[in-house]
Amino acid sequence: MNIIKRRYLFFALSLLIILPGLVFLVSQIVKQELPLSIDFTGGSLLEVRFETADPPSEEIIAVYENLGVSDTQVQTTDKGSVLIRSSYIDNDQRDQILTALESEFSTGVEVLRLDSVGPSIGKQVTSRAAIAVGFAALAVVIYITVAFRGVAHASRYGVCAVIAMVHDVAVVFSITALGSAFFGWEMDALFLTALLTVIGFSVQDKIVVFDRIRENANILRRLDFETLVNHSIVQTLQRSINTQLMTVEFLLLALALMGGVTLQEFAIILLVGLLSGTYSSIFIAAPILVLWEKKEWKTWFKRPRQAAV
């Protein structure tokens, strides 16, 4: 099984999966429609159920604006409730809003949910998430460089692991962007939890594959580097696939199918992200290491010698 020989096919497959979602994500950023929850942006989410028919969204927004609350968005759910997103409101403002809704529409209002995050907390969540990802990438490079110090170009292993980790992060953002378009997903605290979990599993898989390459480099010194890497991948292939499928993926699939709406997005993101982590360990990280060792980028834009003649 020659996996390394088909490395550019696997690179192309990854781009085919990642690019559509990232293009859509960039378009959302340009349009300022990025699907961020209040965990990141700050604000309040009030879910209510009216005893009678739901009033028009415009009238609910008008009630909020009369009380000085801006940036209000109203959305109905399939549970017969109404989700109202707005700028940050405290408990006193919430009570005023509920009283105004009951008075305006002459109906009882049942509060199902109220989540409020101040603007400063939302900014802290965003900055700390970025710092966590950056710290994880730096720690991976340092750890692998130190652990693989007996191997030539040890730092390359760490950099390749980070590149493959970025691949997995891109897959997570891509699937989330598409999910926001078709299913109304949002990037919230659970999304961040899933993202950091994917990063952890991704790094673990890369280290397993690279460690086998290191062991074989000391045993099979006469082999060409590409053959050595391919042999190491084949040796770890069964372990990587079986471990992920048996211990994680089947459980996440069951959770995604039967876990309810609240955990469905979280389970699907984890499911796809961990699959990506296993895939990138075998088909992205190690092939990039071979590409770097052979400096193949020098021949990407050159015509073959015979064609030139």
C-alpha atoms as a PDB file:
ATOM      1  CA  MET A   1       0.000   0.000   0.000  1.00  0.00           C
ATOM      2  CA  ASN A   2       1.770   3.135  -1.225  1.00  0.00           C
ATOM      3  CA  ILE A   3       0.058   6.036   0.525  1.00  0.00           C
ATOM      4  CA  ILE A   4       2.879   8.539   0.142  1.00  0.00           C
ATOM      5  CA  LYS A   5       2.942   8.118  -3.645  1.00  0.00           C
ATOM      6  CA  ARG A   6      -0.607   9.554  -3.847  1.00  0.00           C
ATOM      7  CA  ARG A   7       0.049  12.452  -1.461  1.00  0.00           C
ATOM      8  CA  TYR A   8      -1.007  15.171  -3.889  1.00  0.00           C
ATOM      9  CA  LEU A   9      -4.329  13.404  -4.380  1.00  0.00           C
ATOM     10  CA  PHE A  10      -4.914  13.559  -0.624  1.00  0.00           C
ATOM     11  CA  PHE A  11      -3.867  17.217  -0.515  1.00  0.00           C
ATOM     12  CA  ALA A  12      -6.392  17.972  -3.264  1.00  0.00           C
ATOM     13  CA  LEU A  13      -9.125  16.066  -1.417  1.00  0.00           C
ATOM     14  CA  SER A  14      -8.503  18.128   1.708  1.00  0.00           C
ATOM     15  CA  LEU A  15      -8.733  21.369  -0.257  1.00  0.00           C
ATOM     16  CA  LEU A  16     -11.967  20.157  -1.832  1.00  0.00           C
ATOM     17  CA  ILE A  17     -13.427  19.637   1.640  1.00  0.00           C
ATOM     18  CA  ILE A  18     -12.048  22.782   3.274  1.00  0.00           C
ATOM     19  CA  LEU A  19     -12.293  25.506   0.627  1.00  0.00           C
ATOM     20  CA  PRO A  20     -16.103  25.643   0.122  1.00  0.00           C
ATOM     21  CA  GLY A  21     -16.739  26.099   3.833  1.00  0.00           C
ATOM     22  CA  LEU A  22     -13.941  28.632   4.305  1.00  0.00           C
ATOM     23  CA  VAL A  23     -15.080  30.645   1.279  1.00  0.00           C
ATOM     24  CA  PHE A  24     -18.552  30.789   2.782  1.00  0.00           C
ATOM     25  CA  LEU A  25     -17.070  31.706   6.171  1.00  0.00           C
ATOM     26  CA  VAL A  26     -15.082  34.581   4.654  1.00  0.00           C
ATOM     27  CA  SER A  27     -18.219  35.829   2.894  1.00  0.00           C
ATOM     28  CA  GLN A  28     -19.995  35.832   6.263  1.00  0.00           C
ATOM     29  CA  ILE A  29     -17.161  37.851   7.787  1.00  0.00           C
ATOM     30  CA  VAL A  30     -17.298  40.374   4.933  1.00  0.00           C
ATOM     31  CA  LYS A  31     -21.059  40.699   5.334  1.00  0.00           C
ATOM     32  CA  GLN A  32     -20.644  40.868   9.144  1.00  0.00           C
ATOM     33  CA  GLU A  33     -22.905  37.831   9.465  1.00  0.00           C
ATOM     34  CA  LEU A  34     -20.463  35.541  11.253  1.00  0.00           C
ATOM     35  CA  PRO A  35     -22.547  33.026  13.260  1.00  0.00           C
ATOM     36  CA  LEU A  36     -21.126  33.892  16.685  1.00  0.00           C
ATOM     37  CA  SER A  37     -23.219  33.238  19.758  1.00  0.00           C
ATOM     38  CA  ILE A  38     -23.440  35.605  22.701  1.00  0.00           C
ATOM     39  CA  ASP A  39     -20.581  33.635  24.313  1.00  0.00           C
ATOM     40  CA  PHE A  40     -18.286  35.535  21.937  1.00  0.00           C
ATOM     41  CA  THR A  41     -20.154  38.712  21.021  1.00  0.00           C
ATOM     42  CA  GLY A  42     -21.741  39.497  24.362  1.00  0.00           C
ATOM     43  CA  GLY A  43     -25.467  40.096  24.687  1.00  0.00           C
ATOM     44  CA  SER A  44     -28.622  38.347  25.858  1.00  0.00           C
ATOM     45  CA  LEU A  45     -30.676  35.472  24.562  1.00  0.00           C
ATOM     46  CA  LEU A  46     -34.254  35.257  25.844  1.00  0.00           C
ATOM     47  CA  GLU A  47     -36.432  32.305  24.884  1.00  0.00           C
ATOM     48  CA  VAL A  48     -40.134  32.705  25.674  1.00  0.00           C
ATOM     49  CA  ARG A  49     -43.417  31.030  24.867  1.00  0.00           C
ATOM     50  CA  PHE A  50     -46.610  33.039  24.426  1.00  0.00           C
ATOM     51  CA  GLU A  51     -49.882  31.546  25.635  1.00  0.00           C
ATOM     52  CA  THR A  52     -51.637  32.727  22.478  1.00  0.00           C
ATOM     53  CA  ALA A  53     -50.349  33.033  18.919  1.00  0.00           C
ATOM     54  CA  ASP A  54     -46.860  34.454  18.556  1.00  0.00           C
ATOM     55  CA  PRO A  55     -46.910  38.203  17.781  1.00  0.00           C
ATOM     56  CA  PRO A  56     -45.086  39.514  14.687  1.00  0.00           C
ATOM     57  CA  SER A  57     -41.310  39.898  15.021  1.00  0.00           C
ATOM     58  CA  GLU A  58     -41.493  43.619  14.231  1.00  0.00           C
ATOM     59  CA  GLU A  59     -43.783  44.258  17.202  1.00  0.00           C
ATOM     60  CA  ILE A  60     -41.501  42.363  19.595  1.00  0.00           C
ATOM     61  CA  ILE A  61     -38.522  44.376  18.328  1.00  0.00           C
ATOM     62  CA  ALA A  62     -40.534  47.584  18.853  1.00  0.00           C
ATOM     63  CA  VAL A  63     -41.146  46.628  22.508  1.00  0.00           C
ATOM     64  CA  TYR A  64     -37.412  46.171  23.044  1.00  0.00           C
ATOM     65  CA  GLU A  65     -36.552  49.452  21.323  1.00  0.00           C
ATOM     66  CA  ASN A  66     -39.103  51.371  23.421  1.00  0.00           C
ATOM     67  CA  LEU A  67     -37.196  50.176  26.493  1.00  0.00           C
ATOM     68  CA  GLY A  68     -33.848  51.268  25.035  1.00  0.00           C
ATOM     69  CA  VAL A  69     -32.578  47.802  24.038  1.00  0.00           C
ATOM     70  CA  SER A  70     -30.966  47.725  20.585  1.00  0.00           C
ATOM     71  CA  ASP A  71     -29.755  45.130  18.046  1.00  0.00           C
ATOM     72  CA  THR A  72     -32.768  42.870  18.581  1.00  0.00           C
ATOM     73  CA  GLN A  73     -33.344  39.776  16.444  1.00  0.00           C
ATOM     74  CA  VAL A  74     -36.380  37.493  16.707  1.00  0.00           C
ATOM     75  CA  GLN A  75     -36.559  33.874  15.576  1.00  0.00           C
ATOM     76  CA  THR A  76     -39.265  31.240  16.046  1.00  0.00           C
ATOM     77  CA  THR A  77     -38.333  27.640  16.852  1.00  0.00           C
ATOM     78  CA  ASP A  78     -39.889  24.303  16.000  1.00  0.00           C
ATOM     79  CA  LYS A  79     -40.785  23.920  19.704  1.00  0.00           C
ATOM     80  CA  GLY A  80     -43.349  26.716  19.527  1.00  0.00           C
ATOM     81  CA  SER A  81     -41.136  29.220  21.326  1.00  0.00           C
ATOM     82  CA  VAL A  82     -39.544  32.521  20.304  1.00  0.00           C
ATOM     83  CA  LEU A  83     -35.808  33.286  20.546  1.00  0.00           C
ATOM     84  CA  ILE A  84     -35.007  36.969  21.100  1.00  0.00           C
ATOM     85  CA  ARG A  85     -31.372  38.057  20.758  1.00  0.00           C
ATOM     86  CA  SER A  86     -30.390  41.539  21.840  1.00  0.00           C
ATOM     87  CA  SER A  87     -27.669  43.641  23.411  1.00  0.00           C
ATOM     88  CA  TYR A  88     -26.918  42.881  27.047  1.00  0.00           C
ATOM     89  CA  ILE A  89     -29.850  43.133  29.505  1.00  0.00           C
ATOM     90  CA  ASP A  90     -29.765  42.653  33.270  1.00  0.00           C
ATOM     91  CA  ASN A  91     -32.466  41.130  35.476  1.00  0.00           C
ATOM     92  CA  ASP A  92     -34.303  44.429  35.982  1.00  0.00           C
ATOM     93  CA  GLN A  93     -34.484  45.053  32.235  1.00  0.00           C
ATOM     94  CA  ARG A  94     -35.649  41.488  31.684  1.00  0.00           C
ATOM     95  CA  ASP A  95     -38.539  41.989  34.116  1.00  0.00           C
ATOM     96  CA  GLN A  96     -39.466  45.250  32.381  1.00  0.00           C
ATOM     97  CA  ILE A  97     -39.410  43.538  28.975  1.00  0.00           C
ATOM     98  CA  LEU A  98     -41.592  40.640  30.148  1.00  0.00           C
ATOM     99  CA  THR A  99     -44.092  43.039  31.713  1.00  0.00           C
ATOM    100  CA  ALA A 100     -44.159  45.101  28.499  1.00  0.00           C
ATOM    101  CA  LEU A 101     -44.666  41.991  26.339  1.00  0.00           C
ATOM    102  CA  GLU A 102     -47.566  40.794  28.487  1.00  0.00           C
ATOM    103  CA  SER A 103     -49.138  44.262  28.460  1.00  0.00           C
ATOM    104  CA  GLU A 104     -48.610  44.888  24.737  1.00  0.00           C
ATOM    105  CA  PHE A 105     -49.956  41.546  23.518  1.00  0.00           C
ATOM    106  CA  SER A 106     -52.431  40.827  26.351  1.00  0.00           C
ATOM    107  CA  THR A 107     -51.123  37.304  26.887  1.00  0.00           C
ATOM    108  CA  GLY A 108     -49.071  35.369  29.373  1.00  0.00           C
ATOM    109  CA  VAL A 109     -45.353  34.899  28.678  1.00  0.00           C
ATOM    110  CA  GLU A 110     -43.401  31.872  29.913  1.00  0.00           C
ATOM    111  CA  VAL A 111     -39.613  32.260  30.185  1.00  0.00           C
ATOM    112  CA  LEU A 112     -37.863  29.118  28.954  1.00  0.00           C
ATOM    113  CA  ARG A 113     -34.308  30.377  28.898  1.00  0.00           C
ATOM    114  CA  LEU A 114     -32.220  33.468  29.589  1.00  0.00           C
ATOM    115  CA  ASP A 115     -28.506  33.665  28.802  1.00  0.00           C
ATOM    116  CA  SER A 116     -26.620  36.914  29.271  1.00  0.00           C
ATOM    117  CA  VAL A 117     -22.940  37.590  28.661  1.00  0.00           C
ATOM    118  CA  GLY A 118     -21.381  41.018  29.131  1.00  0.00           C
ATOM    119  CA  PRO A 119     -19.337  42.513  26.275  1.00  0.00           C
ATOM    120  CA  SER A 120     -16.085  42.268  28.252  1.00  0.00           C
ATOM    121  CA  ILE A 121     -16.662  38.566  28.974  1.00  0.00           C
ATOM    122  CA  GLY A 122     -17.365  37.888  25.311  1.00  0.00           C
ATOM    123  CA  LYS A 123     -14.071  39.548  24.310  1.00  0.00           C
ATOM    124  CA  GLN A 124     -12.194  37.549  26.953  1.00  0.00           C
ATOM    125  CA  VAL A 125     -13.610  34.288  25.612  1.00  0.00           C
ATOM    126  CA  THR A 126     -12.474  35.167  22.086  1.00  0.00           C
ATOM    127  CA  SER A 127      -8.970  36.292  23.077  1.00  0.00           C
ATOM    128  CA  ARG A 128      -8.376  33.355  25.412  1.00  0.00           C
ATOM    129  CA  ALA A 129      -9.536  30.900  22.758  1.00  0.00           C
ATOM    130  CA  ALA A 130      -6.999  32.342  20.310  1.00  0.00           C
ATOM    131  CA  ILE A 131      -4.272  32.262  22.956  1.00  0.00           C
ATOM    132  CA  ALA A 132      -5.094  28.630  23.803  1.00  0.00           C
ATOM    133  CA  VAL A 133      -4.797  27.550  20.165  1.00  0.00           C
ATOM    134  CA  GLY A 134      -1.554  29.496  19.693  1.00  0.00           C
ATOM    135  CA  PHE A 135      -0.072  28.090  22.891  1.00  0.00           C
ATOM    136  CA  ALA A 136      -1.035  24.556  21.845  1.00  0.00           C
ATOM    137  CA  ALA A 137       0.734  24.992  18.487  1.00  0.00           C
ATOM    138  CA  LEU A 138       3.909  26.335  20.145  1.00  0.00           C
ATOM    139  CA  ALA A 139       3.885  23.571  22.772  1.00  0.00           C
ATOM    140  CA  VAL A 140       3.576  20.915  20.065  1.00  0.00           C
ATOM    141  CA  VAL A 141       6.610  22.234  18.168  1.00  0.00           C
ATOM    142  CA  ILE A 142       8.731  22.466  21.324  1.00  0.00           C
ATOM    143  CA  TYR A 143       7.689  19.058  22.656  1.00  0.00           C
ATOM    144  CA  ILE A 144       8.282  17.177  19.401  1.00  0.00           C
ATOM    145  CA  THR A 145      11.585  18.972  18.768  1.00  0.00           C
ATOM    146  CA  VAL A 146      12.836  17.921  22.213  1.00  0.00           C
ATOM    147  CA  ALA A 147      11.398  14.392  22.091  1.00  0.00           C
ATOM    148  CA  PHE A 148      12.755  13.763  18.566  1.00  0.00           C
ATOM    149  CA  ARG A 149      16.135  15.420  19.152  1.00  0.00           C
ATOM    150  CA  GLY A 150      17.961  12.252  18.050  1.00  0.00           C
ATOM    151  CA  VAL A 151      16.408  12.474  14.573  1.00  0.00           C
ATOM    152  CA  ALA A 152      17.693  14.728  11.807  1.00  0.00           C
ATOM    153  CA  HIS A 153      15.621  17.925  11.408  1.00  0.00           C
ATOM    154  CA  ALA A 154      13.544  17.190  14.518  1.00  0.00           C
ATOM    155  CA  SER A 155      11.797  20.567  14.380  1.00  0.00           C
ATOM    156  CA  ARG A 156      10.268  19.621  11.009  1.00  0.00           C
ATOM    157  CA  TYR A 157       8.177  16.976  12.716  1.00  0.00           C
ATOM    158  CA  GLY A 158       6.730  19.582  15.048  1.00  0.00           C
ATOM    159  CA  VAL A 159       6.013  22.055  12.257  1.00  0.00           C
ATOM    160  CA  CYS A 160       4.359  19.333  10.128  1.00  0.00           C
ATOM    161  CA  ALA A 161       2.205  18.349  13.119  1.00  0.00           C
ATOM    162  CA  VAL A 162       1.098  21.982  13.507  1.00  0.00           C
ATOM    163  CA  ILE A 163       0.328  22.278   9.779  1.00  0.00           C
ATOM    164  CA  ALA A 164      -1.827  19.152   9.994  1.00  0.00           C
ATOM    165  CA  MET A 165      -3.456  20.546  13.148  1.00  0.00           C
ATOM    166  CA  VAL A 166      -4.308  23.732  11.240  1.00  0.00           C
ATOM    167  CA  HIS A 167      -5.830  21.444   8.584  1.00  0.00           C
ATOM    168  CA  ASP A 168      -8.118  19.933  11.224  1.00  0.00           C
ATOM    169  CA  VAL A 169      -9.046  23.359  12.612  1.00  0.00           C
ATOM    170  CA  ALA A 170      -9.902  24.480   9.066  1.00  0.00           C
ATOM    171  CA  VAL A 171     -12.141  21.421   8.631  1.00  0.00           C
ATOM    172  CA  VAL A 172     -13.959  22.277  11.870  1.00  0.00           C
ATOM    173  CA  PHE A 173     -14.523  25.890  10.799  1.00  0.00           C
ATOM    174  CA  SER A 174     -15.581  24.752   7.339  1.00  0.00           C
ATOM    175  CA  ILE A 175     -18.193  22.290   8.603  1.00  0.00           C
ATOM    176  CA  THR A 176     -19.455  24.869  11.124  1.00  0.00           C
ATOM    177  CA  ALA A 177     -19.814  27.523   8.418  1.00  0.00           C
ATOM    178  CA  LEU A 178     -21.831  25.140   6.243  1.00  0.00           C
ATOM    179  CA  GLY A 179     -23.870  24.084   9.275  1.00  0.00           C
ATOM    180  CA  SER A 180     -24.693  27.713  10.047  1.00  0.00           C
ATOM    181  CA  ALA A 181     -25.937  28.172   6.473  1.00  0.00           C
ATOM    182  CA  PHE A 182     -28.146  25.091   6.311  1.00  0.00           C
ATOM    183  CA  PHE A 183     -29.030  24.337   9.949  1.00  0.00           C
ATOM    184  CA  GLY A 184     -28.608  27.634  11.815  1.00  0.00           C
ATOM    185  CA  TRP A 185     -25.563  26.562  13.848  1.00  0.00           C
ATOM    186  CA  GLU A 186     -23.674  29.089  15.965  1.00  0.00           C
ATOM    187  CA  MET A 187     -20.122  29.242  17.273  1.00  0.00           C
ATOM    188  CA  ASP A 188     -20.598  29.072  21.030  1.00  0.00           C
ATOM    189  CA  ALA A 189     -18.836  27.701  24.107  1.00  0.00           C
ATOM    190  CA  LEU A 190     -19.563  24.102  23.047  1.00  0.00           C
ATOM    191  CA  PHE A 191     -18.023  24.846  19.644  1.00  0.00           C
ATOM    192  CA  LEU A 192     -14.872  26.048  21.393  1.00  0.00           C
ATOM    193  CA  THR A 193     -14.842  22.906  23.546  1.00  0.00           C
ATOM    194  CA  ALA A 194     -15.152  20.726  20.443  1.00  0.00           C
ATOM    195  CA  LEU A 195     -12.398  22.666  18.667  1.00  0.00           C
ATOM    196  CA  LEU A 196      -9.908  22.292  21.534  1.00  0.00           C
ATOM    197  CA  THR A 197     -10.783  18.586  21.863  1.00  0.00           C
ATOM    198  CA  VAL A 198     -10.119  18.070  18.157  1.00  0.00           C
ATOM    199  CA  ILE A 199      -6.749  19.813  18.516  1.00  0.00           C
ATOM    200  CA  GLY A 200      -5.804  17.534  21.419  1.00  0.00           C
ATOM    201  CA  PHE A 201      -6.725  14.321  19.613  1.00  0.00           C
ATOM    202  CA  SER A 202      -5.120  15.580  16.406  1.00  0.00           C
ATOM    203  CA  VAL A 203      -1.753  16.170  18.076  1.00  0.00           C
ATOM    204  CA  GLN A 204      -1.899  12.770  19.752  1.00  0.00           C
ATOM    205  CA  ASP A 205      -2.416  10.976  16.434  1.00  0.00           C
ATOM    206  CA  LYS A 206       0.448  12.848  14.764  1.00  0.00           C
ATOM    207  CA  ILE A 207       2.856  11.984  17.563  1.00  0.00           C
ATOM    208  CA  VAL A 208       1.979   8.278  17.259  1.00  0.00           C
ATOM    209  CA  VAL A 209       2.724   8.250  13.530  1.00  0.00           C
ATOM    210  CA  PHE A 210       5.882  10.349  13.852  1.00  0.00           C
ATOM    211  CA  ASP A 211       7.148   8.211  16.717  1.00  0.00           C
ATOM    212  CA  ARG A 212       6.928   5.119  14.511  1.00  0.00           C
ATOM    213  CA  ILE A 213       8.862   6.983  11.796  1.00  0.00           C
ATOM    214  CA  ARG A 214      11.531   7.819  14.380  1.00  0.00           C
ATOM    215  CA  GLU A 215      11.812   4.190  15.511  1.00  0.00           C
ATOM    216  CA  ASN A 216      12.092   2.891  11.944  1.00  0.00           C
ATOM    217  CA  ALA A 217      14.658   5.575  11.068  1.00  0.00           C
ATOM    218  CA  ASN A 218      17.035   3.933  13.549  1.00  0.00           C
ATOM    219  CA  ILE A 219      16.247   0.381  12.422  1.00  0.00           C
ATOM    220  CA  LEU A 220      15.798   0.690   8.657  1.00  0.00           C
ATOM    221  CA  ARG A 221      18.549   3.180   7.880  1.00  0.00           C
ATOM    222  CA  ARG A 222      19.139   1.927   4.341  1.00  0.00           C
ATOM    223  CA  LEU A 223      15.608   2.636   3.187  1.00  0.00           C
ATOM    224  CA  ASP A 224      14.794   5.710   1.142  1.00  0.00           C
ATOM    225  CA  PHE A 225      13.035   8.303   3.358  1.00  0.00           C
ATOM    226  CA  GLU A 226       9.799   8.155   1.358  1.00  0.00           C
ATOM    227  CA  THR A 227       9.699   4.356   1.604  1.00  0.00           C
ATOM    228  CA  LEU A 228      10.512   4.547   5.308  1.00  0.00           C
ATOM    229  CA  VAL A 229       7.661   6.969   5.995  1.00  0.00           C
ATOM    230  CA  ASN A 230       5.192   4.928   3.951  1.00  0.00           C
ATOM    231  CA  HIS A 231       6.203   1.749   5.804  1.00  0.00           C
ATOM    232  CA  SER A 232       5.697   3.511   9.142  1.00  0.00           C
ATOM    233  CA  ILE A 233       2.247   4.784   8.135  1.00  0.00           C
ATOM    234  CA  VAL A 234       1.108   1.313   7.093  1.00  0.00           C
ATOM    235  CA  GLN A 235       2.280  -0.055  10.446  1.00  0.00           C
ATOM    236  CA  THR A 236       0.185   2.473  12.381  1.00  0.00           C
ATOM    237  CA  LEU A 237      -2.791   2.507   9.996  1.00  0.00           C
ATOM    238  CA  GLN A 238      -4.804  -0.234  11.654  1.00  0.00           C
ATOM    239  CA  ARG A 239      -4.133   1.097  15.149  1.00  0.00           C
ATOM    240  CA  SER A 240      -5.176   4.652  14.216  1.00  0.00           C
ATOM    241  CA  ILE A 241      -8.402   3.646  12.495  1.00  0.00           C
ATOM    242  CA  ASN A 242      -9.497   1.017  15.007  1.00  0.00           C
ATOM    243  CA  THR A 243      -8.780   3.186  18.037  1.00  0.00           C
ATOM    244  CA  GLN A 244     -10.777   6.113  16.710  1.00  0.00           C
ATOM    245  CA  LEU A 245     -13.709   4.050  15.430  1.00  0.00           C
ATOM    246  CA  MET A 246     -14.084   1.805  18.451  1.00  0.00           C
ATOM    247  CA  THR A 247     -13.490   4.303  21.247  1.00  0.00           C
ATOM    248  CA  VAL A 248     -14.866   7.586  19.926  1.00  0.00           C
ATOM    249  CA  GLU A 249     -16.552   7.735  16.537  1.00  0.00           C
ATOM    250  CA  PHE A 250     -19.358   5.232  17.144  1.00  0.00           C
ATOM    251  CA  LEU A 251     -20.246   6.945  20.426  1.00  0.00           C
ATOM    252  CA  LEU A 252     -20.286  10.364  18.787  1.00  0.00           C
ATOM    253  CA  LEU A 253     -22.391   9.050  15.911  1.00  0.00           C
ATOM    254  CA  ALA A 254     -24.955   7.722  18.384  1.00  0.00           C
ATOM    255  CA  LEU A 255     -24.913  11.049  20.239  1.00  0.00           C
ATOM    256  CA  ALA A 256     -25.370  12.980  16.990  1.00  0.00           C
ATOM    257  CA  LEU A 257     -28.324  10.825  15.922  1.00  0.00           C
ATOM    258  CA  MET A 258     -30.091  10.422  19.275  1.00  0.00           C
ATOM    259  CA  GLY A 259     -28.595  13.002  21.646  1.00  0.00           C
ATOM    260  CA  GLY A 260     -31.111  15.768  21.086  1.00  0.00           C
ATOM    261  CA  VAL A 261     -30.895  19.189  19.468  1.00  0.00           C
ATOM    262  CA  THR A 262     -28.753  20.763  22.197  1.00  0.00           C
ATOM    263  CA  LEU A 263     -25.826  18.373  21.756  1.00  0.00           C
ATOM    264  CA  GLN A 264     -26.272  17.560  18.072  1.00  0.00           C
ATOM    265  CA  GLU A 265     -24.072  20.363  16.736  1.00  0.00           C
ATOM    266  CA  PHE A 266     -21.364  19.601  19.314  1.00  0.00           C
ATOM    267  CA  ALA A 267     -21.409  15.872  18.496  1.00  0.00           C
ATOM    268  CA  ILE A 268     -21.291  16.392  14.715  1.00  0.00           C
ATOM    269  CA  ILE A 269     -18.391  18.861  14.954  1.00  0.00           C
ATOM    270  CA  LEU A 270     -16.466  16.451  17.172  1.00  0.00           C
ATOM    271  CA  LEU A 271     -17.304  13.529  14.874  1.00  0.00           C
ATOM    272  CA  VAL A 272     -16.040  15.297  11.753  1.00  0.00           C
ATOM    273  CA  GLY A 273     -13.090  16.919  13.555  1.00  0.00           C
ATOM    274  CA  LEU A 274     -11.771  13.670  15.014  1.00  0.00           C
ATOM    275  CA  LEU A 275     -12.182  11.911  11.667  1.00  0.00           C
ATOM    276  CA  SER A 276     -10.178  14.745  10.154  1.00  0.00           C
ATOM    277  CA  GLY A 277      -7.527  14.297  12.850  1.00  0.00           C
ATOM    278  CA  THR A 278      -7.100  10.624  11.993  1.00  0.00           C
ATOM    279  CA  TYR A 279      -7.130  11.367   8.259  1.00  0.00           C
ATOM    280  CA  SER A 280      -4.569  14.178   8.503  1.00  0.00           C
ATOM    281  CA  SER A 281      -2.216  12.069  10.645  1.00  0.00           C
ATOM    282  CA  ILE A 282      -1.988   9.470   7.897  1.00  0.00           C
ATOM    283  CA  PHE A 283      -2.574  11.378   4.674  1.00  0.00           C
ATOM    284  CA  ILE A 284      -1.423  14.951   5.436  1.00  0.00           C
ATOM    285  CA  ALA A 285       1.197  15.237   8.212  1.00  0.00           C
ATOM    286  CA  ALA A 286       3.567  12.474   7.113  1.00  0.00           C
ATOM    287  CA  PRO A 287       3.273  13.287   3.377  1.00  0.00           C
ATOM    288  CA  ILE A 288       4.124  16.937   4.157  1.00  0.00           C
ATOM    289  CA  LEU A 289       7.206  15.669   5.997  1.00  0.00           C
ATOM    290  CA  VAL A 290       8.263  13.780   2.861  1.00  0.00           C
ATOM    291  CA  LEU A 291       7.525  16.791   0.690  1.00  0.00           C
ATOM    292  CA  TRP A 292       9.725  18.937   2.938  1.00  0.00           C
ATOM    293  CA  GLU A 293      12.537  16.371   3.028  1.00  0.00           C
ATOM    294  CA  LYS A 294      12.616  16.159  -0.782  1.00  0.00           C
ATOM    295  CA  LYS A 295      12.060  19.931  -1.238  1.00  0.00           C
ATOM    296  CA  GLU A 296       9.456  19.194  -3.889  1.00  0.00           C
ATOM    297  CA  TRP A 297       8.244  22.799  -4.050  1.00  0.00           C
ATOM    298  CA  LYS A 298      11.333  23.581  -6.145  1.00  0.00           C
ATOM    299  CA  THR A 299       9.890  21.528  -9.017  1.00  0.00           C
ATOM    300  CA  TRP A 300       6.227  22.583  -8.770  1.00  0.00           C
ATOM    301  CA  PHE A 301       6.461  25.267 -11.428  1.00  0.00           C
ATOM    302  CA  LYS A 302       9.141  23.721 -13.625  1.00  0.00           C
ATOM    303  CA  ARG A 303       8.426  21.818 -16.791  1.00  0.00           C
ATOM    304  CA  PRO A 304       9.839  18.288 -17.068  1.00  0.00           C
ATOM    305  CA  ARG A 305      13.228  18.226 -18.772  1.00  0.00           C
ATOM    306  CA  GLN A 306      11.996  16.153 -21.728  1.00  0.00           C
ATOM    307  CA  ALA A 307       9.069  18.492 -22.364  1.00  0.00           C
ATOM    308  CA  ALA A 308      11.403  21.450 -22.346  1.00  0.00           C
ATOM    309  CA  VAL A 309      13.640  19.772 -24.910  1.00  0.00           C
END
